[in-house]
Amino acid sequence: MAIIITDECINCGACEPECPNNAIYEGGVEWAIADGSTVSGLYKLEDGTEVDAAHKNEPVSDDFYFIVPDKCTECTGFHEEPQCAAVCPVDCCVPDPDREETKEALLEKKERLHL
């Protein structure tokens, strides 16, 4: 499952540089699959939609840091635990109960993001 940042976020920014997938953005910032990755061309999102990897998408949140679910692998294949949660001083980086994914699915996503 992807990690989410709750509204308890204090906007400290500690999580952002820890993400190996560049899935964390400051509130109000547009995001793209290609940000921090080698992905180019069409990319299939989890919902089956194909997007240009460089296309800038609307922010998930305007008020606090957010994690793009299509880029979050819970640090699987990189670290033993999600690094955002490990460094968060207020414990607001938590598993998203609405997005359960197997370890295999997370590893597949990692491979697609890191060609």
C-alpha atoms as a PDB file:
ATOM      1  CA  MET A   1       0.000   0.000   0.000  1.00  0.00           C
ATOM      2  CA  ALA A   2       1.129   3.519  -0.578  1.00  0.00           C
ATOM      3  CA  ILE A   3       2.000   5.771   2.311  1.00  0.00           C
ATOM      4  CA  ILE A   4      -0.056   8.916   2.908  1.00  0.00           C
ATOM      5  CA  ILE A   5       0.765  12.058   4.818  1.00  0.00           C
ATOM      6  CA  THR A   6      -2.005  13.051   7.197  1.00  0.00           C
ATOM      7  CA  ASP A   7      -3.220  16.560   7.865  1.00  0.00           C
ATOM      8  CA  GLU A   8      -1.127  16.521  11.050  1.00  0.00           C
ATOM      9  CA  CYS A   9       1.888  17.327   8.831  1.00  0.00           C
ATOM     10  CA  ILE A  10       3.862  20.329  10.125  1.00  0.00           C
ATOM     11  CA  ASN A  11       5.477  20.969   6.704  1.00  0.00           C
ATOM     12  CA  CYS A  12       8.997  20.384   8.037  1.00  0.00           C
ATOM     13  CA  GLY A  13      10.132  18.761   4.776  1.00  0.00           C
ATOM     14  CA  ALA A  14      12.183  16.006   6.452  1.00  0.00           C
ATOM     15  CA  CYS A  15      10.490  13.327   4.364  1.00  0.00           C
ATOM     16  CA  GLU A  16      10.998  14.738   0.884  1.00  0.00           C
ATOM     17  CA  PRO A  17      14.756  14.112   0.427  1.00  0.00           C
ATOM     18  CA  GLU A  18      14.452  10.611   1.910  1.00  0.00           C
ATOM     19  CA  CYS A  19      12.144   9.273  -0.815  1.00  0.00           C
ATOM     20  CA  PRO A  20      14.014   7.107  -3.346  1.00  0.00           C
ATOM     21  CA  ASN A  21      11.156   7.517  -5.836  1.00  0.00           C
ATOM     22  CA  ASN A  22      10.738  11.295  -5.642  1.00  0.00           C
ATOM     23  CA  ALA A  23       7.120  10.622  -4.697  1.00  0.00           C
ATOM     24  CA  ILE A  24       6.907  13.332  -2.019  1.00  0.00           C
ATOM     25  CA  TYR A  25       6.080  16.918  -2.870  1.00  0.00           C
ATOM     26  CA  GLU A  26       5.504  20.116  -0.954  1.00  0.00           C
ATOM     27  CA  GLY A  27       1.875  21.192  -0.755  1.00  0.00           C
ATOM     28  CA  GLY A  28       0.674  23.047  -3.837  1.00  0.00           C
ATOM     29  CA  VAL A  29       3.423  21.748  -6.127  1.00  0.00           C
ATOM     30  CA  GLU A  30       2.532  20.081  -9.425  1.00  0.00           C
ATOM     31  CA  TRP A  31       4.071  16.644  -9.954  1.00  0.00           C
ATOM     32  CA  ALA A  32       5.060  14.345 -12.821  1.00  0.00           C
ATOM     33  CA  ILE A  33       5.991  10.678 -13.029  1.00  0.00           C
ATOM     34  CA  ALA A  34       9.261  11.728 -14.688  1.00  0.00           C
ATOM     35  CA  ASP A  35      10.334  13.876 -11.725  1.00  0.00           C
ATOM     36  CA  GLY A  36      13.489  12.262 -10.354  1.00  0.00           C
ATOM     37  CA  SER A  37      13.241   9.215 -12.604  1.00  0.00           C
ATOM     38  CA  THR A  38      14.391   8.048 -16.006  1.00  0.00           C
ATOM     39  CA  VAL A  39      10.833   7.375 -17.177  1.00  0.00           C
ATOM     40  CA  SER A  40       9.806   9.032 -20.430  1.00  0.00           C
ATOM     41  CA  GLY A  41       6.975   8.677 -22.896  1.00  0.00           C
ATOM     42  CA  LEU A  42       3.705   7.038 -21.886  1.00  0.00           C
ATOM     43  CA  TYR A  43       3.342   5.628 -18.375  1.00  0.00           C
ATOM     44  CA  LYS A  44       0.385   3.571 -17.158  1.00  0.00           C
ATOM     45  CA  LEU A  45      -0.981   4.685 -13.794  1.00  0.00           C
ATOM     46  CA  GLU A  46      -2.452   2.204 -11.315  1.00  0.00           C
ATOM     47  CA  ASP A  47      -5.979   3.018 -12.492  1.00  0.00           C
ATOM     48  CA  GLY A  48      -5.025   2.054 -16.056  1.00  0.00           C
ATOM     49  CA  THR A  49      -4.836   5.617 -17.368  1.00  0.00           C
ATOM     50  CA  GLU A  50      -1.867   6.295 -19.641  1.00  0.00           C
ATOM     51  CA  VAL A  51      -0.174   9.654 -19.179  1.00  0.00           C
ATOM     52  CA  ASP A  52       2.880  11.358 -20.583  1.00  0.00           C
ATOM     53  CA  ALA A  53       5.515  10.857 -17.878  1.00  0.00           C
ATOM     54  CA  ALA A  54       6.523  14.516 -18.148  1.00  0.00           C
ATOM     55  CA  HIS A  55       2.942  15.831 -17.821  1.00  0.00           C
ATOM     56  CA  LYS A  56       2.524  18.060 -14.761  1.00  0.00           C
ATOM     57  CA  ASN A  57      -0.399  16.937 -12.611  1.00  0.00           C
ATOM     58  CA  GLU A  58      -2.398  18.860 -10.032  1.00  0.00           C
ATOM     59  CA  PRO A  59      -1.119  18.731  -6.445  1.00  0.00           C
ATOM     60  CA  VAL A  60      -2.656  16.052  -4.241  1.00  0.00           C
ATOM     61  CA  SER A  61      -2.728  18.629  -1.422  1.00  0.00           C
ATOM     62  CA  ASP A  62      -2.364  22.382  -1.335  1.00  0.00           C
ATOM     63  CA  ASP A  63      -1.855  22.634   2.408  1.00  0.00           C
ATOM     64  CA  PHE A  64       0.834  20.115   3.368  1.00  0.00           C
ATOM     65  CA  TYR A  65       3.371  17.694   1.914  1.00  0.00           C
ATOM     66  CA  PHE A  66       1.861  14.809  -0.025  1.00  0.00           C
ATOM     67  CA  ILE A  67       2.883  11.480  -1.532  1.00  0.00           C
ATOM     68  CA  VAL A  68       1.934  10.551  -5.088  1.00  0.00           C
ATOM     69  CA  PRO A  69       0.509   7.018  -4.757  1.00  0.00           C
ATOM     70  CA  ASP A  70       1.530   6.059  -8.299  1.00  0.00           C
ATOM     71  CA  LYS A  71       5.174   6.699  -7.354  1.00  0.00           C
ATOM     72  CA  CYS A  72       5.217   5.310  -3.788  1.00  0.00           C
ATOM     73  CA  THR A  73       6.707   1.859  -3.295  1.00  0.00           C
ATOM     74  CA  GLU A  74       6.944   2.077   0.513  1.00  0.00           C
ATOM     75  CA  CYS A  75      10.714   2.041  -0.153  1.00  0.00           C
ATOM     76  CA  THR A  76      10.421  -1.641  -1.121  1.00  0.00           C
ATOM     77  CA  GLY A  77      13.607  -2.712  -2.857  1.00  0.00           C
ATOM     78  CA  PHE A  78      15.512   0.196  -1.325  1.00  0.00           C
ATOM     79  CA  HIS A  79      15.078   0.069   2.464  1.00  0.00           C
ATOM     80  CA  GLU A  80      13.586  -2.155   5.149  1.00  0.00           C
ATOM     81  CA  GLU A  81      10.959   0.455   6.064  1.00  0.00           C
ATOM     82  CA  PRO A  82       9.409   3.566   4.514  1.00  0.00           C
ATOM     83  CA  GLN A  83      11.968   6.302   5.039  1.00  0.00           C
ATOM     84  CA  CYS A  84       9.386   9.092   5.210  1.00  0.00           C
ATOM     85  CA  ALA A  85       7.815   7.425   8.243  1.00  0.00           C
ATOM     86  CA  ALA A  86      11.221   6.796   9.797  1.00  0.00           C
ATOM     87  CA  VAL A  87      12.194  10.490   9.745  1.00  0.00           C
ATOM     88  CA  CYS A  88       8.795  12.120  10.368  1.00  0.00           C
ATOM     89  CA  PRO A  89       8.901  13.957  13.707  1.00  0.00           C
ATOM     90  CA  VAL A  90       5.109  13.861  14.138  1.00  0.00           C
ATOM     91  CA  ASP A  91       4.376  10.364  12.774  1.00  0.00           C
ATOM     92  CA  CYS A  92       2.063  11.593  10.036  1.00  0.00           C
ATOM     93  CA  CYS A  93       3.437   9.298   7.277  1.00  0.00           C
ATOM     94  CA  VAL A  94       1.186   6.263   7.580  1.00  0.00           C
ATOM     95  CA  PRO A  95      -0.001   3.368   5.385  1.00  0.00           C
ATOM     96  CA  ASP A  96      -2.979   4.221   3.179  1.00  0.00           C
ATOM     97  CA  PRO A  97      -5.667   1.632   4.032  1.00  0.00           C
ATOM     98  CA  ASP A  98      -7.368   2.313   0.686  1.00  0.00           C
ATOM     99  CA  ARG A  99      -4.310   1.257  -1.365  1.00  0.00           C
ATOM    100  CA  GLU A 100      -3.151  -2.207  -0.365  1.00  0.00           C
ATOM    101  CA  GLU A 101      -0.415  -3.605  -2.617  1.00  0.00           C
ATOM    102  CA  THR A 102       1.612  -6.795  -2.436  1.00  0.00           C
ATOM    103  CA  LYS A 103       5.380  -6.752  -2.118  1.00  0.00           C
ATOM    104  CA  GLU A 104       5.540  -8.065  -5.688  1.00  0.00           C
ATOM    105  CA  ALA A 105       3.389  -5.191  -6.968  1.00  0.00           C
ATOM    106  CA  LEU A 106       5.566  -2.661  -5.115  1.00  0.00           C
ATOM    107  CA  LEU A 107       8.723  -4.194  -6.609  1.00  0.00           C
ATOM    108  CA  GLU A 108       7.157  -4.088 -10.095  1.00  0.00           C
ATOM    109  CA  LYS A 109       6.314  -0.410  -9.618  1.00  0.00           C
ATOM    110  CA  LYS A 110       9.899   0.226  -8.484  1.00  0.00           C
ATOM    111  CA  GLU A 111      11.223  -1.412 -11.657  1.00  0.00           C
ATOM    112  CA  ARG A 112       8.918   0.678 -13.866  1.00  0.00           C
ATOM    113  CA  LEU A 113      10.042   3.896 -12.159  1.00  0.00           C
ATOM    114  CA  HIS A 114      13.744   3.073 -12.242  1.00  0.00           C
ATOM    115  CA  LEU A 115      14.545   1.860 -15.744  1.00  0.00           C
END
